[in-house]
Amino acid sequence: MSRVVVQAFISLDGVVQSPGGPDEDPEGGFDLGGWSMGYDEANDAGGEGDAIIAEWESRTEGLLLGRKTYDIFSRSWGVWDENAPGFGGELTKLYNRVPKYVASRTLTELDWKNSHLLGPDVPAAVQKLREEPGGEIRVWGSGNLIGTLAQHDLVDEYRLVVYPLVLGRGKKLFPDGFAVTTFELAESRALASGVVVSTYRRSDEPLIVNERTFSDPANAGGQ
């Protein structure tokens, strides 16, 4: 089986919006774009964080993206030079090669090579992908899509790069109304920069609060 793995750069207050640059996702007037990149430039001169991401991305066999993230990626990784030196060129080459699975209600065709629309029933399409032989299907960004996947218990793992920053505004990975789910801590590592990298894997254990059991993400909101 393949595995759906969500990776995110996230602040202490749960914000994941526009970590890489000021123009990445300014929706809602977000004015702190580039916060993770700026922190790394000031605090991770040795590239410890980049080495971890490079190791993770070496396992990527597909990308699973929402429409907005697909637009961002196709205008960046989709057009950048594969022959650029260093990790950037290698990642561009990888992302061009692997299949891209896109959830969208509005797009009818995709220009970035090896890209495929998931169709109207996204959970069923993703479940089919998970049942096929393969490795890691990577999710970056795509907050609305992640919420849908969580509602149907389709996220196998979260890899969170947590920055010691409170941003106070911006889109959150786990907003109010997110499906009740339980995960096990598989690994955690503190970097010299102060960033903490943690991996959480899906658990079959239910959440029990005040003798109430929350075990089915699809029905969690009604319990």
C-alpha atoms as a PDB file:
ATOM      1  CA  MET A   1       0.000   0.000   0.000  1.00  0.00           C
ATOM      2  CA  SER A   2       0.931   3.623  -0.455  1.00  0.00           C
ATOM      3  CA  ARG A   3       0.897   6.085   2.410  1.00  0.00           C
ATOM      4  CA  VAL A   4      -0.427   9.648   2.538  1.00  0.00           C
ATOM      5  CA  VAL A   5       2.086  11.819   4.384  1.00  0.00           C
ATOM      6  CA  VAL A   6       1.365  15.442   5.289  1.00  0.00           C
ATOM      7  CA  GLN A   7       4.438  17.626   5.758  1.00  0.00           C
ATOM      8  CA  ALA A   8       4.193  21.158   7.109  1.00  0.00           C
ATOM      9  CA  PHE A   9       6.237  24.045   8.417  1.00  0.00           C
ATOM     10  CA  ILE A  10       4.182  25.229  11.373  1.00  0.00           C
ATOM     11  CA  SER A  11       4.366  27.915  14.051  1.00  0.00           C
ATOM     12  CA  LEU A  12       3.718  27.320  17.751  1.00  0.00           C
ATOM     13  CA  ASP A  13       0.189  28.651  17.309  1.00  0.00           C
ATOM     14  CA  GLY A  14      -0.474  26.298  14.404  1.00  0.00           C
ATOM     15  CA  VAL A  15      -0.071  28.659  11.439  1.00  0.00           C
ATOM     16  CA  VAL A  16       1.076  27.111   8.160  1.00  0.00           C
ATOM     17  CA  GLN A  17       0.313  29.931   5.725  1.00  0.00           C
ATOM     18  CA  SER A  18       2.996  31.137   3.332  1.00  0.00           C
ATOM     19  CA  PRO A  19       6.141  29.915   5.131  1.00  0.00           C
ATOM     20  CA  GLY A  20       8.386  30.118   2.071  1.00  0.00           C
ATOM     21  CA  GLY A  21       7.963  33.610   0.679  1.00  0.00           C
ATOM     22  CA  PRO A  22       5.951  36.856   0.818  1.00  0.00           C
ATOM     23  CA  ASP A  23       4.030  36.100  -2.370  1.00  0.00           C
ATOM     24  CA  GLU A  24       3.413  32.413  -1.706  1.00  0.00           C
ATOM     25  CA  ASP A  25      -0.078  32.836  -0.219  1.00  0.00           C
ATOM     26  CA  PRO A  26      -1.082  36.381   0.791  1.00  0.00           C
ATOM     27  CA  GLU A  27      -4.778  35.445   1.000  1.00  0.00           C
ATOM     28  CA  GLY A  28      -6.660  37.285   3.719  1.00  0.00           C
ATOM     29  CA  GLY A  29      -4.048  40.023   3.781  1.00  0.00           C
ATOM     30  CA  PHE A  30      -1.454  37.763   5.400  1.00  0.00           C
ATOM     31  CA  ASP A  31       1.651  39.934   5.720  1.00  0.00           C
ATOM     32  CA  LEU A  32       4.150  37.529   7.322  1.00  0.00           C
ATOM     33  CA  GLY A  33       4.936  35.440   4.245  1.00  0.00           C
ATOM     34  CA  GLY A  34       8.374  33.882   4.309  1.00  0.00           C
ATOM     35  CA  TRP A  35       8.462  33.500   8.090  1.00  0.00           C
ATOM     36  CA  SER A  36      10.080  30.030   8.098  1.00  0.00           C
ATOM     37  CA  MET A  37      12.639  30.879   5.444  1.00  0.00           C
ATOM     38  CA  GLY A  38      13.605  34.044   7.284  1.00  0.00           C
ATOM     39  CA  TYR A  39      14.014  32.143  10.533  1.00  0.00           C
ATOM     40  CA  ASP A  40      16.175  29.483   8.891  1.00  0.00           C
ATOM     41  CA  GLU A  41      18.411  32.059   7.231  1.00  0.00           C
ATOM     42  CA  ALA A  42      19.063  33.636  10.633  1.00  0.00           C
ATOM     43  CA  ASN A  43      19.321  30.491  12.744  1.00  0.00           C
ATOM     44  CA  ASP A  44      20.222  27.473  10.595  1.00  0.00           C
ATOM     45  CA  ALA A  45      23.380  28.432   8.752  1.00  0.00           C
ATOM     46  CA  GLY A  46      24.488  24.795   8.677  1.00  0.00           C
ATOM     47  CA  GLY A  47      21.420  23.687   6.735  1.00  0.00           C
ATOM     48  CA  GLU A  48      20.352  21.063   9.301  1.00  0.00           C
ATOM     49  CA  GLY A  49      16.693  21.549   8.429  1.00  0.00           C
ATOM     50  CA  ASP A  50      17.337  21.361   4.688  1.00  0.00           C
ATOM     51  CA  ALA A  51      19.106  18.024   5.135  1.00  0.00           C
ATOM     52  CA  ILE A  52      16.054  16.571   6.882  1.00  0.00           C
ATOM     53  CA  ILE A  53      13.708  17.777   4.145  1.00  0.00           C
ATOM     54  CA  ALA A  54      16.031  16.369   1.480  1.00  0.00           C
ATOM     55  CA  GLU A  55      15.930  12.964   3.161  1.00  0.00           C
ATOM     56  CA  TRP A  56      12.142  13.074   3.416  1.00  0.00           C
ATOM     57  CA  GLU A  57      11.704  14.103  -0.199  1.00  0.00           C
ATOM     58  CA  SER A  58      13.897  11.239  -1.389  1.00  0.00           C
ATOM     59  CA  ARG A  59      10.946   8.990  -0.446  1.00  0.00           C
ATOM     60  CA  THR A  60       8.329  10.955  -2.407  1.00  0.00           C
ATOM     61  CA  GLU A  61       6.587   8.912  -5.100  1.00  0.00           C
ATOM     62  CA  GLY A  62       3.665  11.242  -5.727  1.00  0.00           C
ATOM     63  CA  LEU A  63       2.244  14.632  -4.764  1.00  0.00           C
ATOM     64  CA  LEU A  64      -1.315  15.106  -3.519  1.00  0.00           C
ATOM     65  CA  LEU A  65      -2.330  18.761  -3.783  1.00  0.00           C
ATOM     66  CA  GLY A  66      -5.299  21.063  -3.464  1.00  0.00           C
ATOM     67  CA  ARG A  67      -6.004  23.481  -6.264  1.00  0.00           C
ATOM     68  CA  LYS A  68      -4.344  26.540  -4.682  1.00  0.00           C
ATOM     69  CA  THR A  69      -1.168  24.668  -3.752  1.00  0.00           C
ATOM     70  CA  TYR A  70      -1.083  23.086  -7.198  1.00  0.00           C
ATOM     71  CA  ASP A  71      -1.188  26.571  -8.728  1.00  0.00           C
ATOM     72  CA  ILE A  72       1.714  27.693  -6.534  1.00  0.00           C
ATOM     73  CA  PHE A  73       3.786  24.582  -7.239  1.00  0.00           C
ATOM     74  CA  SER A  74       3.130  24.546 -10.981  1.00  0.00           C
ATOM     75  CA  ARG A  75       4.290  28.176 -11.265  1.00  0.00           C
ATOM     76  CA  SER A  76       7.459  27.428  -9.315  1.00  0.00           C
ATOM     77  CA  TRP A  77       8.675  23.831  -9.320  1.00  0.00           C
ATOM     78  CA  GLY A  78       6.906  23.294 -12.618  1.00  0.00           C
ATOM     79  CA  VAL A  79       8.983  25.912 -14.454  1.00  0.00           C
ATOM     80  CA  TRP A  80      12.262  26.121 -12.520  1.00  0.00           C
ATOM     81  CA  ASP A  81      15.485  24.778 -13.984  1.00  0.00           C
ATOM     82  CA  GLU A  82      16.031  21.087 -13.286  1.00  0.00           C
ATOM     83  CA  ASN A  83      19.747  21.603 -13.863  1.00  0.00           C
ATOM     84  CA  ALA A  84      20.105  24.230 -11.151  1.00  0.00           C
ATOM     85  CA  PRO A  85      22.840  23.303  -8.683  1.00  0.00           C
ATOM     86  CA  GLY A  86      22.069  21.801  -5.299  1.00  0.00           C
ATOM     87  CA  PHE A  87      18.884  20.590  -3.684  1.00  0.00           C
ATOM     88  CA  GLY A  88      16.648  23.016  -5.569  1.00  0.00           C
ATOM     89  CA  GLY A  89      17.473  21.461  -8.921  1.00  0.00           C
ATOM     90  CA  GLU A  90      17.146  17.936  -7.591  1.00  0.00           C
ATOM     91  CA  LEU A  91      13.746  18.661  -6.072  1.00  0.00           C
ATOM     92  CA  THR A  92      12.544  20.345  -9.274  1.00  0.00           C
ATOM     93  CA  LYS A  93      13.563  17.239 -11.209  1.00  0.00           C
ATOM     94  CA  LEU A  94      11.774  14.966  -8.719  1.00  0.00           C
ATOM     95  CA  TYR A  95       8.553  16.979  -8.688  1.00  0.00           C
ATOM     96  CA  ASN A  96       8.438  17.056 -12.486  1.00  0.00           C
ATOM     97  CA  ARG A  97       8.903  13.293 -12.639  1.00  0.00           C
ATOM     98  CA  VAL A  98       6.434  12.034 -10.008  1.00  0.00           C
ATOM     99  CA  PRO A  99       2.659  11.986 -10.582  1.00  0.00           C
ATOM    100  CA  LYS A 100       0.701  14.913  -9.209  1.00  0.00           C
ATOM    101  CA  TYR A 101      -2.853  14.206  -7.984  1.00  0.00           C
ATOM    102  CA  VAL A 102      -4.967  17.344  -7.770  1.00  0.00           C
ATOM    103  CA  ALA A 103      -8.250  17.959  -5.951  1.00  0.00           C
ATOM    104  CA  SER A 104     -10.225  20.709  -7.648  1.00  0.00           C
ATOM    105  CA  ARG A 105     -13.844  21.575  -8.358  1.00  0.00           C
ATOM    106  CA  THR A 106     -12.944  24.203 -10.956  1.00  0.00           C
ATOM    107  CA  LEU A 107      -9.971  22.993 -13.014  1.00  0.00           C
ATOM    108  CA  THR A 108     -10.725  20.971 -16.116  1.00  0.00           C
ATOM    109  CA  GLU A 109      -7.168  20.493 -17.390  1.00  0.00           C
ATOM    110  CA  LEU A 110      -3.681  20.618 -15.916  1.00  0.00           C
ATOM    111  CA  ASP A 111      -0.603  21.983 -17.683  1.00  0.00           C
ATOM    112  CA  TRP A 112       2.125  20.630 -15.416  1.00  0.00           C
ATOM    113  CA  LYS A 113       3.336  17.315 -16.792  1.00  0.00           C
ATOM    114  CA  ASN A 114       2.316  14.107 -15.016  1.00  0.00           C
ATOM    115  CA  SER A 115      -0.605  15.862 -13.323  1.00  0.00           C
ATOM    116  CA  HIS A 116      -3.994  14.188 -12.851  1.00  0.00           C
ATOM    117  CA  LEU A 117      -7.346  15.455 -11.565  1.00  0.00           C
ATOM    118  CA  LEU A 118      -8.822  13.279  -8.816  1.00  0.00           C
ATOM    119  CA  GLY A 119     -12.404  13.743  -9.946  1.00  0.00           C
ATOM    120  CA  PRO A 120     -15.571  14.576  -7.997  1.00  0.00           C
ATOM    121  CA  ASP A 121     -15.146  11.935  -5.243  1.00  0.00           C
ATOM    122  CA  VAL A 122     -11.801  12.915  -3.742  1.00  0.00           C
ATOM    123  CA  PRO A 123     -11.911  10.576  -0.701  1.00  0.00           C
ATOM    124  CA  ALA A 124     -12.652   7.547  -2.885  1.00  0.00           C
ATOM    125  CA  ALA A 125      -9.882   8.494  -5.317  1.00  0.00           C
ATOM    126  CA  VAL A 126      -7.353   8.926  -2.517  1.00  0.00           C
ATOM    127  CA  GLN A 127      -8.383   5.659  -0.897  1.00  0.00           C
ATOM    128  CA  LYS A 128      -7.772   3.940  -4.235  1.00  0.00           C
ATOM    129  CA  LEU A 129      -4.305   5.514  -4.418  1.00  0.00           C
ATOM    130  CA  ARG A 130      -3.526   4.289  -0.901  1.00  0.00           C
ATOM    131  CA  GLU A 131      -4.502   0.738  -1.869  1.00  0.00           C
ATOM    132  CA  GLU A 132      -2.079   0.657  -4.795  1.00  0.00           C
ATOM    133  CA  PRO A 133       1.523  -0.518  -4.358  1.00  0.00           C
ATOM    134  CA  GLY A 134       3.936   2.319  -3.819  1.00  0.00           C
ATOM    135  CA  GLY A 135       5.594   4.551  -1.272  1.00  0.00           C
ATOM    136  CA  GLU A 136       4.851   7.971   0.133  1.00  0.00           C
ATOM    137  CA  ILE A 137       2.296  10.277  -1.433  1.00  0.00           C
ATOM    138  CA  ARG A 138       3.323  13.708  -0.220  1.00  0.00           C
ATOM    139  CA  VAL A 139       0.936  16.504   0.794  1.00  0.00           C
ATOM    140  CA  TRP A 140       2.276  20.053   1.072  1.00  0.00           C
ATOM    141  CA  GLY A 141       0.053  23.036   1.855  1.00  0.00           C
ATOM    142  CA  SER A 142      -3.493  22.148   0.738  1.00  0.00           C
ATOM    143  CA  GLY A 143      -5.259  22.956   4.009  1.00  0.00           C
ATOM    144  CA  ASN A 144      -8.790  22.340   2.741  1.00  0.00           C
ATOM    145  CA  LEU A 145      -7.753  19.042   1.196  1.00  0.00           C
ATOM    146  CA  ILE A 146      -6.094  17.920   4.436  1.00  0.00           C
ATOM    147  CA  GLY A 147      -9.325  18.630   6.285  1.00  0.00           C
ATOM    148  CA  THR A 148     -11.227  16.438   3.833  1.00  0.00           C
ATOM    149  CA  LEU A 149      -8.660  13.647   4.113  1.00  0.00           C
ATOM    150  CA  ALA A 150      -8.822  13.786   7.910  1.00  0.00           C
ATOM    151  CA  GLN A 151     -12.618  13.560   7.873  1.00  0.00           C
ATOM    152  CA  HIS A 152     -12.260  10.245   6.044  1.00  0.00           C
ATOM    153  CA  ASP A 153      -9.253   8.964   8.035  1.00  0.00           C
ATOM    154  CA  LEU A 154      -6.946   9.055   5.014  1.00  0.00           C
ATOM    155  CA  VAL A 155      -3.826  10.664   6.523  1.00  0.00           C
ATOM    156  CA  ASP A 156      -1.259   8.062   7.525  1.00  0.00           C
ATOM    157  CA  GLU A 157       1.388  10.391   8.912  1.00  0.00           C
ATOM    158  CA  TYR A 158       2.081  14.019   9.801  1.00  0.00           C
ATOM    159  CA  ARG A 159       5.631  15.366   9.717  1.00  0.00           C
ATOM    160  CA  LEU A 160       5.666  18.737  11.426  1.00  0.00           C
ATOM    161  CA  VAL A 161       8.573  21.171  11.421  1.00  0.00           C
ATOM    162  CA  VAL A 162       7.634  23.347  14.397  1.00  0.00           C
ATOM    163  CA  TYR A 163       9.174  26.805  14.656  1.00  0.00           C
ATOM    164  CA  PRO A 164       9.511  28.660  17.987  1.00  0.00           C
ATOM    165  CA  LEU A 165       7.368  31.492  16.672  1.00  0.00           C
ATOM    166  CA  VAL A 166       3.879  32.759  17.482  1.00  0.00           C
ATOM    167  CA  LEU A 167       2.465  34.525  14.437  1.00  0.00           C
ATOM    168  CA  GLY A 168      -0.927  35.457  15.797  1.00  0.00           C
ATOM    169  CA  ARG A 169      -2.677  35.267  12.429  1.00  0.00           C
ATOM    170  CA  GLY A 170      -2.868  33.149   9.314  1.00  0.00           C
ATOM    171  CA  LYS A 171      -4.303  29.837   8.178  1.00  0.00           C
ATOM    172  CA  LYS A 172      -3.910  26.953  10.606  1.00  0.00           C
ATOM    173  CA  LEU A 173      -3.219  23.311   9.892  1.00  0.00           C
ATOM    174  CA  PHE A 174      -5.807  22.191  12.460  1.00  0.00           C
ATOM    175  CA  PRO A 175      -8.562  24.848  12.551  1.00  0.00           C
ATOM    176  CA  ASP A 176     -11.731  24.666  14.637  1.00  0.00           C
ATOM    177  CA  GLY A 177     -13.955  21.871  13.343  1.00  0.00           C
ATOM    178  CA  PHE A 178     -11.054  19.641  12.273  1.00  0.00           C
ATOM    179  CA  ALA A 179     -11.831  15.929  12.587  1.00  0.00           C
ATOM    180  CA  VAL A 180     -11.065  14.298  15.930  1.00  0.00           C
ATOM    181  CA  THR A 181      -8.176  11.918  15.283  1.00  0.00           C
ATOM    182  CA  THR A 182      -5.444  10.214  17.288  1.00  0.00           C
ATOM    183  CA  PHE A 183      -1.807   9.729  16.334  1.00  0.00           C
ATOM    184  CA  GLU A 184       1.258   8.183  17.903  1.00  0.00           C
ATOM    185  CA  LEU A 185       4.528  10.074  18.238  1.00  0.00           C
ATOM    186  CA  ALA A 186       6.993   8.107  16.119  1.00  0.00           C
ATOM    187  CA  GLU A 187       9.971  10.440  16.284  1.00  0.00           C
ATOM    188  CA  SER A 188      10.931  13.851  17.609  1.00  0.00           C
ATOM    189  CA  ARG A 189      14.148  15.782  17.197  1.00  0.00           C
ATOM    190  CA  ALA A 190      15.219  19.235  18.358  1.00  0.00           C
ATOM    191  CA  LEU A 191      17.511  21.072  15.948  1.00  0.00           C
ATOM    192  CA  ALA A 192      20.250  23.455  16.971  1.00  0.00           C
ATOM    193  CA  SER A 193      18.161  26.309  15.526  1.00  0.00           C
ATOM    194  CA  GLY A 194      15.386  25.716  18.077  1.00  0.00           C
ATOM    195  CA  VAL A 195      13.099  24.086  15.520  1.00  0.00           C
ATOM    196  CA  VAL A 196      11.515  20.789  16.613  1.00  0.00           C
ATOM    197  CA  VAL A 197      10.822  18.131  13.985  1.00  0.00           C
ATOM    198  CA  SER A 198       8.181  15.559  14.952  1.00  0.00           C
ATOM    199  CA  THR A 199       6.577  12.647  13.149  1.00  0.00           C
ATOM    200  CA  TYR A 200       3.120  11.390  14.088  1.00  0.00           C
ATOM    201  CA  ARG A 201       1.630   8.165  12.696  1.00  0.00           C
ATOM    202  CA  ARG A 202      -2.023   7.181  12.637  1.00  0.00           C
ATOM    203  CA  SER A 203      -3.326   5.220  15.584  1.00  0.00           C
ATOM    204  CA  ASP A 204      -6.332   2.948  15.887  1.00  0.00           C
ATOM    205  CA  GLU A 205      -6.844   3.982  19.505  1.00  0.00           C
ATOM    206  CA  PRO A 206      -9.948   6.132  20.052  1.00  0.00           C
ATOM    207  CA  LEU A 207      -9.928   9.408  21.938  1.00  0.00           C
ATOM    208  CA  ILE A 208     -11.806   9.079  25.235  1.00  0.00           C
ATOM    209  CA  VAL A 209     -12.866  12.283  26.984  1.00  0.00           C
ATOM    210  CA  ASN A 210     -15.165  12.261  30.016  1.00  0.00           C
ATOM    211  CA  GLU A 211     -16.220   8.703  29.190  1.00  0.00           C
ATOM    212  CA  ARG A 212     -17.160   9.697  25.642  1.00  0.00           C
ATOM    213  CA  THR A 213     -15.422   7.902  22.801  1.00  0.00           C
ATOM    214  CA  PHE A 214     -14.402   9.725  19.621  1.00  0.00           C
ATOM    215  CA  SER A 215     -13.193   7.141  17.141  1.00  0.00           C
ATOM    216  CA  ASP A 216     -14.746   7.796  13.741  1.00  0.00           C
ATOM    217  CA  PRO A 217     -13.367  10.943  12.056  1.00  0.00           C
ATOM    218  CA  ALA A 218     -16.294  11.032   9.657  1.00  0.00           C
ATOM    219  CA  ASN A 219     -18.749  11.305  12.553  1.00  0.00           C
ATOM    220  CA  ALA A 220     -16.656  13.096  15.156  1.00  0.00           C
ATOM    221  CA  GLY A 221     -18.506  16.371  14.812  1.00  0.00           C
ATOM    222  CA  GLY A 222     -21.771  14.770  15.849  1.00  0.00           C
ATOM    223  CA  GLN A 223     -20.542  13.044  19.010  1.00  0.00           C
END
